[in-house]
Amino acid sequence: MTDKKLIFILKICITIGICLILLGIYLHNYSETIDAMGVKGIMISAACVALGMVLSLPTKMYLTYLLVIRETEHHD
């Protein structure tokens, strides 16, 4: 797998993660259906936020690491 392909996949993961975080926030704050579900609704919105964090944060760190490595190799 080339670096460009890997970076593209990581960017997709970050985008999906941020979308899931925003979905979880929307569900928690504005969705009447989730509010009516009680604890199960809170668990659903929290799961969206948690999965979004899992997808976005480590991926962002790895992507930054790859870009720093590429920049270092480019200057040498």
Protein backbone atom coordinates (compact mmCIF):
# COMPACT_ATOMS: atom_id res chain seq x y z
CA MET A 1 0.00 0.00 0.00
CA THR A 2 1.43 3.35 -0.97
CA ASP A 3 1.62 6.35 1.35
CA LYS A 4 -0.92 8.28 -0.72
CA LYS A 5 -3.45 5.47 -0.42
CA LEU A 6 -2.84 5.13 3.31
CA ILE A 7 -3.19 8.87 3.85
CA PHE A 8 -6.43 8.88 1.85
CA ILE A 9 -7.84 6.04 3.98
CA LEU A 10 -6.79 7.83 7.17
CA LYS A 11 -8.47 11.03 6.02
CA ILE A 12 -11.66 9.07 5.37
CA CYS A 13 -11.46 7.62 8.90
CA ILE A 14 -11.04 11.10 10.38
CA THR A 15 -14.03 12.38 8.40
CA ILE A 16 -16.23 9.47 9.46
CA GLY A 17 -15.10 9.91 13.06
CA ILE A 18 -15.96 13.61 13.11
CA CYS A 19 -19.34 12.88 11.51
CA LEU A 20 -20.08 10.28 14.19
CA ILE A 21 -19.13 12.72 16.94
CA LEU A 22 -21.44 15.35 15.46
CA LEU A 23 -24.21 12.76 15.07
CA GLY A 24 -23.86 11.77 18.72
CA ILE A 25 -24.02 15.40 19.83
CA TYR A 26 -27.07 15.99 17.66
CA LEU A 27 -28.81 12.90 18.97
CA HIS A 28 -28.06 13.82 22.57
CA ASN A 29 -29.13 17.46 22.34
CA TYR A 30 -31.88 17.67 19.73
CA SER A 31 -33.45 14.28 19.01
CA GLU A 32 -36.76 13.70 20.74
CA THR A 33 -36.69 10.00 19.88
CA ILE A 34 -33.41 9.48 21.74
CA ASP A 35 -34.79 11.54 24.63
CA ALA A 36 -37.89 9.34 24.78
CA MET A 37 -35.75 6.18 24.87
CA GLY A 38 -34.21 7.19 28.19
CA VAL A 39 -31.01 5.41 29.17
CA LYS A 40 -30.87 3.40 25.94
CA GLY A 41 -31.00 6.64 23.97
CA ILE A 42 -28.16 8.10 26.00
CA MET A 43 -26.15 4.93 25.39
CA ILE A 44 -26.76 5.21 21.63
CA SER A 45 -25.64 8.83 21.46
CA ALA A 46 -22.63 8.12 23.70
CA ALA A 47 -21.68 5.15 21.51
CA CYS A 48 -21.69 7.42 18.43
CA VAL A 49 -19.40 9.90 20.16
CA ALA A 50 -17.11 7.15 21.49
CA LEU A 51 -16.79 5.44 18.11
CA GLY A 52 -16.14 8.80 16.49
CA MET A 53 -13.34 9.47 18.99
CA VAL A 54 -11.84 6.05 18.35
CA LEU A 55 -11.80 6.72 14.61
CA SER A 56 -10.64 10.31 14.63
CA LEU A 57 -8.05 10.87 17.35
CA PRO A 58 -5.52 8.03 16.87
CA THR A 59 -5.88 8.36 13.12
CA LYS A 60 -5.05 12.07 13.31
CA MET A 61 -1.95 11.33 15.38
CA TYR A 62 -0.74 8.68 12.92
CA LEU A 63 -1.46 10.92 9.95
CA THR A 64 0.56 13.73 11.56
CA TYR A 65 3.41 11.27 12.18
CA LEU A 66 3.40 10.21 8.52
CA LEU A 67 3.40 13.80 7.31
CA VAL A 68 6.33 14.70 9.60
CA ILE A 69 8.30 11.70 8.32
CA ARG A 70 7.56 12.68 4.73
CA GLU A 71 8.61 16.29 5.37
CA THR A 72 11.85 15.14 7.04
CA GLU A 73 12.68 12.87 4.10
CA HIS A 74 11.86 15.67 1.67
CA HIS A 75 14.35 18.06 3.32
CA ASP A 76 17.13 15.45 3.34
